[in-house]
mmCIF file of all heavy atoms, coordinates in Angstrom:
data_MODEL
# 
_entry.id   MODEL 
# 
loop_
_atom_site.group_PDB 
_atom_site.id 
_atom_site.type_symbol 
_atom_site.label_atom_id 
_atom_site.label_alt_id 
_atom_site.label_comp_id 
_atom_site.label_asym_id 
_atom_site.label_entity_id 
_atom_site.label_seq_id 
_atom_site.pdbx_PDB_ins_code 
_atom_site.Cartn_x 
_atom_site.Cartn_y 
_atom_site.Cartn_z 
_atom_site.occupancy 
_atom_site.B_iso_or_equiv 
_atom_site.pdbx_formal_charge 
_atom_site.auth_seq_id 
_atom_site.auth_comp_id 
_atom_site.auth_asym_id 
_atom_site.auth_atom_id 
_atom_site.pdbx_PDB_model_num 
ATOM 1   N N   . GLY A 1 1  ? 96.275  121.086 131.220 1.00 0.00 ? 1  GLY A N   1 
ATOM 2   C CA  . GLY A 1 1  ? 97.697  121.372 131.134 1.00 0.00 ? 1  GLY A CA  1 
ATOM 3   C C   . GLY A 1 1  ? 98.151  122.287 132.246 1.00 0.00 ? 1  GLY A C   1 
ATOM 4   O O   . GLY A 1 1  ? 97.420  122.561 133.204 1.00 0.00 ? 1  GLY A O   1 
ATOM 5   N N   . LYS A 1 2  ? 99.373  122.779 132.130 1.00 0.00 ? 2  LYS A N   1 
ATOM 6   C CA  . LYS A 1 2  ? 99.984  123.670 133.110 1.00 0.00 ? 2  LYS A CA  1 
ATOM 7   C C   . LYS A 1 2  ? 100.542 124.907 132.413 1.00 0.00 ? 2  LYS A C   1 
ATOM 8   O O   . LYS A 1 2  ? 100.942 124.840 131.250 1.00 0.00 ? 2  LYS A O   1 
ATOM 9   C CB  . LYS A 1 2  ? 101.127 122.959 133.849 1.00 0.00 ? 2  LYS A CB  1 
ATOM 10  C CG  . LYS A 1 2  ? 100.728 121.787 134.728 1.00 0.00 ? 2  LYS A CG  1 
ATOM 11  C CD  . LYS A 1 2  ? 101.962 121.131 135.310 1.00 0.00 ? 2  LYS A CD  1 
ATOM 12  C CE  . LYS A 1 2  ? 101.603 119.998 136.273 1.00 0.00 ? 2  LYS A CE  1 
ATOM 13  N NZ  . LYS A 1 2  ? 101.058 120.511 137.539 1.00 0.00 ? 2  LYS A NZ  1 
ATOM 14  N N   . ILE A 1 3  ? 100.569 126.012 133.150 1.00 0.00 ? 3  ILE A N   1 
ATOM 15  C CA  . ILE A 1 3  ? 101.300 127.187 132.676 1.00 0.00 ? 3  ILE A CA  1 
ATOM 16  C C   . ILE A 1 3  ? 102.473 127.483 133.602 1.00 0.00 ? 3  ILE A C   1 
ATOM 17  O O   . ILE A 1 3  ? 103.261 128.384 133.338 1.00 0.00 ? 3  ILE A O   1 
ATOM 18  C CB  . ILE A 1 3  ? 100.394 128.426 132.555 1.00 0.00 ? 3  ILE A CB  1 
ATOM 19  C CG1 . ILE A 1 3  ? 99.886  128.872 133.926 1.00 0.00 ? 3  ILE A CG1 1 
ATOM 20  C CG2 . ILE A 1 3  ? 99.223  128.150 131.617 1.00 0.00 ? 3  ILE A CG2 1 
ATOM 21  C CD1 . ILE A 1 3  ? 99.256  130.254 133.915 1.00 0.00 ? 3  ILE A CD1 1 
ATOM 22  N N   . ALA A 1 4  ? 102.557 126.716 134.706 1.00 0.00 ? 4  ALA A N   1 
ATOM 23  C CA  . ALA A 1 4  ? 103.665 126.792 135.657 1.00 0.00 ? 4  ALA A CA  1 
ATOM 24  C C   . ALA A 1 4  ? 103.619 125.498 136.464 1.00 0.00 ? 4  ALA A C   1 
ATOM 25  O O   . ALA A 1 4  ? 102.597 124.815 136.472 1.00 0.00 ? 4  ALA A O   1 
ATOM 26  C CB  . ALA A 1 4  ? 103.536 128.014 136.571 1.00 0.00 ? 4  ALA A CB  1 
ATOM 27  N N   . PRO A 1 5  ? 104.701 125.127 137.138 1.00 0.00 ? 5  PRO A N   1 
ATOM 28  C CA  . PRO A 1 5  ? 104.677 123.885 137.916 1.00 0.00 ? 5  PRO A CA  1 
ATOM 29  C C   . PRO A 1 5  ? 103.551 123.807 138.935 1.00 0.00 ? 5  PRO A C   1 
ATOM 30  O O   . PRO A 1 5  ? 103.119 122.715 139.291 1.00 0.00 ? 5  PRO A O   1 
ATOM 31  C CB  . PRO A 1 5  ? 106.054 123.882 138.598 1.00 0.00 ? 5  PRO A CB  1 
ATOM 32  C CG  . PRO A 1 5  ? 106.927 124.683 137.687 1.00 0.00 ? 5  PRO A CG  1 
ATOM 33  C CD  . PRO A 1 5  ? 106.041 125.745 137.121 1.00 0.00 ? 5  PRO A CD  1 
ATOM 34  N N   . VAL A 1 6  ? 103.063 124.963 139.423 1.00 0.00 ? 6  VAL A N   1 
ATOM 35  C CA  . VAL A 1 6  ? 102.019 124.947 140.452 1.00 0.00 ? 6  VAL A CA  1 
ATOM 36  C C   . VAL A 1 6  ? 100.695 125.512 139.956 1.00 0.00 ? 6  VAL A C   1 
ATOM 37  O O   . VAL A 1 6  ? 99.791  125.774 140.749 1.00 0.00 ? 6  VAL A O   1 
ATOM 38  C CB  . VAL A 1 6  ? 102.478 125.735 141.700 1.00 0.00 ? 6  VAL A CB  1 
ATOM 39  C CG1 . VAL A 1 6  ? 103.677 125.055 142.342 1.00 0.00 ? 6  VAL A CG1 1 
ATOM 40  C CG2 . VAL A 1 6  ? 102.787 127.183 141.338 1.00 0.00 ? 6  VAL A CG2 1 
ATOM 41  N N   . ILE A 1 7  ? 100.558 125.703 138.646 1.00 0.00 ? 7  ILE A N   1 
ATOM 42  C CA  . ILE A 1 7  ? 99.320  126.253 138.093 1.00 0.00 ? 7  ILE A CA  1 
ATOM 43  C C   . ILE A 1 7  ? 98.848  125.344 136.962 1.00 0.00 ? 7  ILE A C   1 
ATOM 44  O O   . ILE A 1 7  ? 99.562  125.136 135.981 1.00 0.00 ? 7  ILE A O   1 
ATOM 45  C CB  . ILE A 1 7  ? 99.519  127.685 137.558 1.00 0.00 ? 7  ILE A CB  1 
ATOM 46  C CG1 . ILE A 1 7  ? 100.024 128.609 138.662 1.00 0.00 ? 7  ILE A CG1 1 
ATOM 47  C CG2 . ILE A 1 7  ? 98.217  128.216 136.980 1.00 0.00 ? 7  ILE A CG2 1 
ATOM 48  C CD1 . ILE A 1 7  ? 100.369 130.009 138.181 1.00 0.00 ? 7  ILE A CD1 1 
ATOM 49  N N   . ASP A 1 8  ? 97.642  124.788 137.105 1.00 0.00 ? 8  ASP A N   1 
ATOM 50  C CA  . ASP A 1 8  ? 97.097  123.939 136.055 1.00 0.00 ? 8  ASP A CA  1 
ATOM 51  C C   . ASP A 1 8  ? 95.657  124.338 135.757 1.00 0.00 ? 8  ASP A C   1 
ATOM 52  O O   . ASP A 1 8  ? 95.047  125.149 136.460 1.00 0.00 ? 8  ASP A O   1 
ATOM 53  C CB  . ASP A 1 8  ? 97.202  122.455 136.414 1.00 0.00 ? 8  ASP A CB  1 
ATOM 54  C CG  . ASP A 1 8  ? 96.493  122.104 137.720 1.00 0.00 ? 8  ASP A CG  1 
ATOM 55  O OD1 . ASP A 1 8  ? 96.205  123.038 138.498 1.00 0.00 ? 8  ASP A OD1 1 
ATOM 56  O OD2 . ASP A 1 8  ? 96.227  120.919 137.959 1.00 0.00 ? 8  ASP A OD2 1 
ATOM 57  N N   . TYR A 1 9  ? 95.095  123.752 134.685 1.00 0.00 ? 9  TYR A N   1 
ATOM 58  C CA  . TYR A 1 9  ? 93.751  124.104 134.239 1.00 0.00 ? 9  TYR A CA  1 
ATOM 59  C C   . TYR A 1 9  ? 93.085  122.888 133.613 1.00 0.00 ? 9  TYR A C   1 
ATOM 60  O O   . TYR A 1 9  ? 93.745  121.886 133.266 1.00 0.00 ? 9  TYR A O   1 
ATOM 61  C CB  . TYR A 1 9  ? 93.804  125.255 133.228 1.00 0.00 ? 9  TYR A CB  1 
ATOM 62  C CG  . TYR A 1 9  ? 94.620  124.945 131.993 1.00 0.00 ? 9  TYR A CG  1 
ATOM 63  C CD1 . TYR A 1 9  ? 94.051  124.333 130.874 1.00 0.00 ? 9  TYR A CD1 1 
ATOM 64  C CD2 . TYR A 1 9  ? 95.982  125.255 131.938 1.00 0.00 ? 9  TYR A CD2 1 
ATOM 65  C CE1 . TYR A 1 9  ? 94.807  124.041 129.746 1.00 0.00 ? 9  TYR A CE1 1 
ATOM 66  C CE2 . TYR A 1 9  ? 96.738  124.964 130.822 1.00 0.00 ? 9  TYR A CE2 1 
ATOM 67  C CZ  . TYR A 1 9  ? 96.148  124.363 129.736 1.00 0.00 ? 9  TYR A CZ  1 
ATOM 68  O OH  . TYR A 1 9  ? 96.904  124.066 128.631 1.00 0.00 ? 9  TYR A OH  1 
ATOM 69  N N   . PHE A 1 10 ? 91.757  122.973 133.444 1.00 0.00 ? 10 PHE A N   1 
ATOM 70  C CA  . PHE A 1 10 ? 90.985  121.870 132.878 1.00 0.00 ? 10 PHE A CA  1 
ATOM 71  C C   . PHE A 1 10 ? 89.733  122.437 132.228 1.00 0.00 ? 10 PHE A C   1 
ATOM 72  O O   . PHE A 1 10 ? 89.036  123.281 132.807 1.00 0.00 ? 10 PHE A O   1 
ATOM 73  C CB  . PHE A 1 10 ? 90.602  120.880 133.987 1.00 0.00 ? 10 PHE A CB  1 
ATOM 74  C CG  . PHE A 1 10 ? 89.850  119.675 133.500 1.00 0.00 ? 10 PHE A CG  1 
ATOM 75  C CD1 . PHE A 1 10 ? 90.514  118.597 132.953 1.00 0.00 ? 10 PHE A CD1 1 
ATOM 76  C CD2 . PHE A 1 10 ? 88.469  119.615 133.625 1.00 0.00 ? 10 PHE A CD2 1 
ATOM 77  C CE1 . PHE A 1 10 ? 89.818  117.471 132.517 1.00 0.00 ? 10 PHE A CE1 1 
ATOM 78  C CE2 . PHE A 1 10 ? 87.759  118.491 133.201 1.00 0.00 ? 10 PHE A CE2 1 
ATOM 79  C CZ  . PHE A 1 10 ? 88.445  117.418 132.637 1.00 0.00 ? 10 PHE A CZ  1 
ATOM 80  N N   . ILE A 1 11 ? 89.449  121.982 131.012 1.00 0.00 ? 11 ILE A N   1 
ATOM 81  C CA  . ILE A 1 11 ? 88.245  122.380 130.282 1.00 0.00 ? 11 ILE A CA  1 
ATOM 82  C C   . ILE A 1 11 ? 87.602  121.115 129.716 1.00 0.00 ? 11 ILE A C   1 
ATOM 83  O O   . ILE A 1 11 ? 88.288  120.287 129.104 1.00 0.00 ? 11 ILE A O   1 
ATOM 84  C CB  . ILE A 1 11 ? 88.565  123.361 129.137 1.00 0.00 ? 11 ILE A CB  1 
ATOM 85  C CG1 . ILE A 1 11 ? 89.240  124.622 129.676 1.00 0.00 ? 11 ILE A CG1 1 
ATOM 86  C CG2 . ILE A 1 11 ? 87.302  123.730 128.368 1.00 0.00 ? 11 ILE A CG2 1 
ATOM 87  C CD1 . ILE A 1 11 ? 89.767  125.544 128.583 1.00 0.00 ? 11 ILE A CD1 1 
ATOM 88  N N   . GLN A 1 12 ? 86.289  120.969 129.901 1.00 0.00 ? 12 GLN A N   1 
ATOM 89  C CA  . GLN A 1 12 ? 85.583  119.786 129.394 1.00 0.00 ? 12 GLN A CA  1 
ATOM 90  C C   . GLN A 1 12 ? 84.253  120.189 128.786 1.00 0.00 ? 12 GLN A C   1 
ATOM 91  O O   . GLN A 1 12 ? 83.457  120.890 129.413 1.00 0.00 ? 12 GLN A O   1 
ATOM 92  C CB  . GLN A 1 12 ? 85.351  118.772 130.519 1.00 0.00 ? 12 GLN A CB  1 
ATOM 93  C CG  . GLN A 1 12 ? 84.598  117.544 130.062 1.00 0.00 ? 12 GLN A CG  1 
ATOM 94  C CD  . GLN A 1 12 ? 84.516  116.468 131.120 1.00 0.00 ? 12 GLN A CD  1 
ATOM 95  O OE1 . GLN A 1 12 ? 84.748  115.299 130.846 1.00 0.00 ? 12 GLN A OE1 1 
ATOM 96  N NE2 . GLN A 1 12 ? 84.185  116.838 132.353 1.00 0.00 ? 12 GLN A NE2 1 
ATOM 97  N N   . THR A 1 13 ? 84.027  119.752 127.559 1.00 0.00 ? 13 THR A N   1 
ATOM 98  C CA  . THR A 1 13 ? 82.780  120.023 126.845 1.00 0.00 ? 13 THR A CA  1 
ATOM 99  C C   . THR A 1 13 ? 82.231  118.724 126.283 1.00 0.00 ? 13 THR A C   1 
ATOM 100 O O   . THR A 1 13 ? 82.981  117.908 125.753 1.00 0.00 ? 13 THR A O   1 
ATOM 101 C CB  . THR A 1 13 ? 83.002  121.027 125.699 1.00 0.00 ? 13 THR A CB  1 
ATOM 102 O OG1 . THR A 1 13 ? 83.496  122.258 126.234 1.00 0.00 ? 13 THR A OG1 1 
ATOM 103 C CG2 . THR A 1 13 ? 81.705  121.300 124.951 1.00 0.00 ? 13 THR A CG2 1 
ATOM 104 N N   . ASP A 1 14 ? 80.924  118.545 126.421 1.00 0.00 ? 14 ASP A N   1 
ATOM 105 C CA  . ASP A 1 14 ? 80.258  117.399 125.811 1.00 0.00 ? 14 ASP A CA  1 
ATOM 106 C C   . ASP A 1 14 ? 79.566  117.893 124.543 1.00 0.00 ? 14 ASP A C   1 
ATOM 107 O O   . ASP A 1 14 ? 78.618  118.668 124.607 1.00 0.00 ? 14 ASP A O   1 
ATOM 108 C CB  . ASP A 1 14 ? 79.233  116.794 126.770 1.00 0.00 ? 14 ASP A CB  1 
ATOM 109 C CG  . ASP A 1 14 ? 78.947  115.334 126.440 1.00 0.00 ? 14 ASP A CG  1 
ATOM 110 O OD1 . ASP A 1 14 ? 78.972  114.998 125.241 1.00 0.00 ? 14 ASP A OD1 1 
ATOM 111 O OD2 . ASP A 1 14 ? 78.720  114.539 127.363 1.00 0.00 ? 14 ASP A OD2 1 
ATOM 112 N N   . PHE A 1 15 ? 80.069  117.449 123.394 1.00 0.00 ? 15 PHE A N   1 
ATOM 113 C CA  . PHE A 1 15 ? 79.549  117.929 122.124 1.00 0.00 ? 15 PHE A CA  1 
ATOM 114 C C   . PHE A 1 15 ? 78.303  117.179 121.676 1.00 0.00 ? 15 PHE A C   1 
ATOM 115 O O   . PHE A 1 15 ? 77.649  117.589 120.716 1.00 0.00 ? 15 PHE A O   1 
ATOM 116 C CB  . PHE A 1 15 ? 80.629  117.855 121.047 1.00 0.00 ? 15 PHE A CB  1 
ATOM 117 C CG  . PHE A 1 15 ? 81.715  118.876 121.228 1.00 0.00 ? 15 PHE A CG  1 
ATOM 118 C CD1 . PHE A 1 15 ? 82.876  118.563 121.901 1.00 0.00 ? 15 PHE A CD1 1 
ATOM 119 C CD2 . PHE A 1 15 ? 81.553  120.161 120.741 1.00 0.00 ? 15 PHE A CD2 1 
ATOM 120 C CE1 . PHE A 1 15 ? 83.877  119.509 122.081 1.00 0.00 ? 15 PHE A CE1 1 
ATOM 121 C CE2 . PHE A 1 15 ? 82.538  121.118 120.915 1.00 0.00 ? 15 PHE A CE2 1 
ATOM 122 C CZ  . PHE A 1 15 ? 83.711  120.788 121.590 1.00 0.00 ? 15 PHE A CZ  1 
ATOM 123 N N   . CYS A 1 16 ? 77.964  116.085 122.360 1.00 0.00 ? 16 CYS A N   1 
ATOM 124 C CA  . CYS A 1 16 ? 76.722  115.379 122.038 1.00 0.00 ? 16 CYS A CA  1 
ATOM 125 C C   . CYS A 1 16 ? 76.290  114.547 123.236 1.00 0.00 ? 16 CYS A C   1 
ATOM 126 O O   . CYS A 1 16 ? 76.634  113.368 123.338 1.00 0.00 ? 16 CYS A O   1 
ATOM 127 C CB  . CYS A 1 16 ? 76.887  114.498 120.804 1.00 0.00 ? 16 CYS A CB  1 
ATOM 128 S SG  . CYS A 1 16 ? 75.321  113.803 120.207 1.00 0.00 ? 16 CYS A SG  1 
ATOM 129 N N   . ASP A 1 17 ? 75.560  115.162 124.136 1.00 0.00 ? 17 ASP A N   1 
ATOM 130 C CA  . ASP A 1 17 ? 74.925  114.456 125.247 1.00 0.00 ? 17 ASP A CA  1 
ATOM 131 C C   . ASP A 1 17 ? 73.472  114.228 124.848 1.00 0.00 ? 17 ASP A C   1 
ATOM 132 O O   . ASP A 1 17 ? 72.615  115.069 125.054 1.00 0.00 ? 17 ASP A O   1 
ATOM 133 C CB  . ASP A 1 17 ? 75.020  115.280 126.529 1.00 0.00 ? 17 ASP A CB  1 
ATOM 134 C CG  . ASP A 1 17 ? 74.369  114.596 127.724 1.00 0.00 ? 17 ASP A CG  1 
ATOM 135 O OD1 . ASP A 1 17 ? 73.675  113.579 127.522 1.00 0.00 ? 17 ASP A OD1 1 
ATOM 136 O OD2 . ASP A 1 17 ? 74.547  115.067 128.848 1.00 0.00 ? 17 ASP A OD2 1 
ATOM 137 N N   . ARG A 1 18 ? 73.224  113.110 124.162 1.00 0.00 ? 18 ARG A N   1 
ATOM 138 C CA  . ARG A 1 18 ? 71.900  112.788 123.615 1.00 0.00 ? 18 ARG A CA  1 
ATOM 139 C C   . ARG A 1 18 ? 71.378  113.909 122.717 1.00 0.00 ? 18 ARG A C   1 
ATOM 140 O O   . ARG A 1 18 ? 70.198  114.256 122.727 1.00 0.00 ? 18 ARG A O   1 
ATOM 141 C CB  . ARG A 1 18 ? 70.918  112.493 124.744 1.00 0.00 ? 18 ARG A CB  1 
ATOM 142 C CG  . ARG A 1 18 ? 71.203  111.217 125.499 1.00 0.00 ? 18 ARG A CG  1 
ATOM 143 C CD  . ARG A 1 18 ? 70.485  111.118 126.810 1.00 0.00 ? 18 ARG A CD  1 
ATOM 144 N NE  . ARG A 1 18 ? 70.992  112.088 127.771 1.00 0.00 ? 18 ARG A NE  1 
ATOM 145 C CZ  . ARG A 1 18 ? 70.619  112.132 129.040 1.00 0.00 ? 18 ARG A CZ  1 
ATOM 146 N NH1 . ARG A 1 18 ? 69.731  111.271 129.497 1.00 0.00 ? 18 ARG A NH1 1 
ATOM 147 N NH2 . ARG A 1 18 ? 71.122  113.031 129.860 1.00 0.00 ? 18 ARG A NH2 1 
ATOM 148 N N   . GLY A 1 19 ? 72.295  114.507 121.947 1.00 0.00 ? 19 GLY A N   1 
ATOM 149 C CA  . GLY A 1 19 ? 71.910  115.531 120.986 1.00 0.00 ? 19 GLY A CA  1 
ATOM 150 C C   . GLY A 1 19 ? 72.136  116.953 121.439 1.00 0.00 ? 19 GLY A C   1 
ATOM 151 O O   . GLY A 1 19 ? 71.929  117.884 120.645 1.00 0.00 ? 19 GLY A O   1 
ATOM 152 N N   . SER A 1 20 ? 72.574  117.169 122.679 1.00 0.00 ? 20 SER A N   1 
ATOM 153 C CA  . SER A 1 20 ? 72.784  118.518 123.200 1.00 0.00 ? 20 SER A CA  1 
ATOM 154 C C   . SER A 1 20 ? 74.265  118.783 123.449 1.00 0.00 ? 20 SER A C   1 
ATOM 155 O O   . SER A 1 20 ? 75.014  117.860 123.789 1.00 0.00 ? 20 SER A O   1 
ATOM 156 C CB  . SER A 1 20 ? 72.012  118.715 124.508 1.00 0.00 ? 20 SER A CB  1 
ATOM 157 O OG  . SER A 1 20 ? 70.622  118.531 124.315 1.00 0.00 ? 20 SER A OG  1 
ATOM 158 N N   . ILE A 1 21 ? 74.673  120.034 123.298 1.00 0.00 ? 21 ILE A N   1 
ATOM 159 C CA  . ILE A 1 21 ? 76.035  120.466 123.600 1.00 0.00 ? 21 ILE A CA  1 
ATOM 160 C C   . ILE A 1 21 ? 76.046  121.103 124.984 1.00 0.00 ? 21 ILE A C   1 
ATOM 161 O O   . ILE A 1 21 ? 75.220  121.964 125.288 1.00 0.00 ? 21 ILE A O   1 
ATOM 162 C CB  . ILE A 1 21 ? 76.553  121.464 122.554 1.00 0.00 ? 21 ILE A CB  1 
ATOM 163 C CG1 . ILE A 1 21 ? 76.589  120.820 121.161 1.00 0.00 ? 21 ILE A CG1 1 
ATOM 164 C CG2 . ILE A 1 21 ? 77.943  121.974 122.927 1.00 0.00 ? 21 ILE A CG2 1 
ATOM 165 C CD1 . ILE A 1 21 ? 76.998  121.770 120.051 1.00 0.00 ? 21 ILE A CD1 1 
ATOM 166 N N   . LYS A 1 22 ? 76.977  120.662 125.834 1.00 0.00 ? 22 LYS A N   1 
ATOM 167 C CA  . LYS A 1 22 ? 77.040  121.165 127.203 1.00 0.00 ? 22 LYS A CA  1 
ATOM 168 C C   . LYS A 1 22 ? 78.485  121.475 127.577 1.00 0.00 ? 22 LYS A C   1 
ATOM 169 O O   . LYS A 1 22 ? 79.363  120.627 127.415 1.00 0.00 ? 22 LYS A O   1 
ATOM 170 C CB  . LYS A 1 22 ? 76.478  120.136 128.188 1.00 0.00 ? 22 LYS A CB  1 
ATOM 171 C CG  . LYS A 1 22 ? 75.011  119.805 127.979 1.00 0.00 ? 22 LYS A CG  1 
ATOM 172 C CD  . LYS A 1 22 ? 74.539  118.754 128.969 1.00 0.00 ? 22 LYS A CD  1 
ATOM 173 C CE  . LYS A 1 22 ? 73.066  118.414 128.771 1.00 0.00 ? 22 LYS A CE  1 
ATOM 174 N NZ  . LYS A 1 22 ? 72.609  117.366 129.720 1.00 0.00 ? 22 LYS A NZ  1 
ATOM 175 N N   . ILE A 1 23 ? 78.730  122.689 128.083 1.00 0.00 ? 23 ILE A N   1 
ATOM 176 C CA  . ILE A 1 23 ? 80.031  123.036 128.657 1.00 0.00 ? 23 ILE A CA  1 
ATOM 177 C C   . ILE A 1 23 ? 79.992  122.591 130.115 1.00 0.00 ? 23 ILE A C   1 
ATOM 178 O O   . ILE A 1 23 ? 79.247  123.137 130.922 1.00 0.00 ? 23 ILE A O   1 
ATOM 179 C CB  . ILE A 1 23 ? 80.321  124.536 128.536 1.00 0.00 ? 23 ILE A CB  1 
ATOM 180 C CG1 . ILE A 1 23 ? 80.356  124.948 127.058 1.00 0.00 ? 23 ILE A CG1 1 
ATOM 181 C CG2 . ILE A 1 23 ? 81.643  124.887 129.212 1.00 0.00 ? 23 ILE A CG2 1 
ATOM 182 C CD1 . ILE A 1 23 ? 80.514  126.427 126.835 1.00 0.00 ? 23 ILE A CD1 1 
ATOM 183 N N   . LEU A 1 24 ? 80.809  121.611 130.477 1.00 0.00 ? 24 LEU A N   1 
ATOM 184 C CA  . LEU A 1 24 ? 80.710  120.979 131.788 1.00 0.00 ? 24 LEU A CA  1 
ATOM 185 C C   . LEU A 1 24 ? 81.680  121.548 132.813 1.00 0.00 ? 24 LEU A C   1 
ATOM 186 O O   . LEU A 1 24 ? 81.284  121.921 133.906 1.00 0.00 ? 24 LEU A O   1 
ATOM 187 C CB  . LEU A 1 24 ? 80.937  119.465 131.642 1.00 0.00 ? 24 LEU A CB  1 
ATOM 188 C CG  . LEU A 1 24 ? 79.945  118.743 130.722 1.00 0.00 ? 24 LEU A CG  1 
ATOM 189 C CD1 . LEU A 1 24 ? 80.361  117.296 130.551 1.00 0.00 ? 24 LEU A CD1 1 
ATOM 190 C CD2 . LEU A 1 24 ? 78.529  118.837 131.270 1.00 0.00 ? 24 LEU A CD2 1 
ATOM 191 N N   . ASP A 1 25 ? 82.958  121.570 132.480 1.00 0.00 ? 25 ASP A N   1 
ATOM 192 C CA  . ASP A 1 25 ? 83.976  121.986 133.449 1.00 0.00 ? 25 ASP A CA  1 
ATOM 193 C C   . ASP A 1 25 ? 84.891  123.035 132.842 1.00 0.00 ? 25 ASP A C   1 
ATOM 194 O O   . ASP A 1 25 ? 85.355  122.882 131.704 1.00 0.00 ? 25 ASP A O   1 
ATOM 195 C CB  . ASP A 1 25 ? 84.826  120.789 133.888 1.00 0.00 ? 25 ASP A CB  1 
ATOM 196 C CG  . ASP A 1 25 ? 83.991  119.722 134.563 1.00 0.00 ? 25 ASP A CG  1 
ATOM 197 O OD1 . ASP A 1 25 ? 83.686  119.888 135.751 1.00 0.00 ? 25 ASP A OD1 1 
ATOM 198 O OD2 . ASP A 1 25 ? 83.636  118.728 133.904 1.00 0.00 ? 25 ASP A OD2 1 
ATOM 199 N N   . VAL A 1 26 ? 85.148  124.077 133.609 1.00 0.00 ? 26 VAL A N   1 
ATOM 200 C CA  . VAL A 1 26 ? 86.115  125.115 133.235 1.00 0.00 ? 26 VAL A CA  1 
ATOM 201 C C   . VAL A 1 26 ? 86.729  125.617 134.534 1.00 0.00 ? 26 VAL A C   1 
ATOM 202 O O   . VAL A 1 26 ? 86.082  126.350 135.284 1.00 0.00 ? 26 VAL A O   1 
ATOM 203 C CB  . VAL A 1 26 ? 85.452  126.297 132.487 1.00 0.00 ? 26 VAL A CB  1 
ATOM 204 C CG1 . VAL A 1 26 ? 86.514  127.299 132.068 1.00 0.00 ? 26 VAL A CG1 1 
ATOM 205 C CG2 . VAL A 1 26 ? 84.673  125.823 131.277 1.00 0.00 ? 26 VAL A CG2 1 
# 
């Protein structure tokens, strides 16, 4: 999402990568 027209963010978590939880992108 965005908090301003020129500021955005991204968060991605894999809750089951062959049984493992991994925080991928922040």
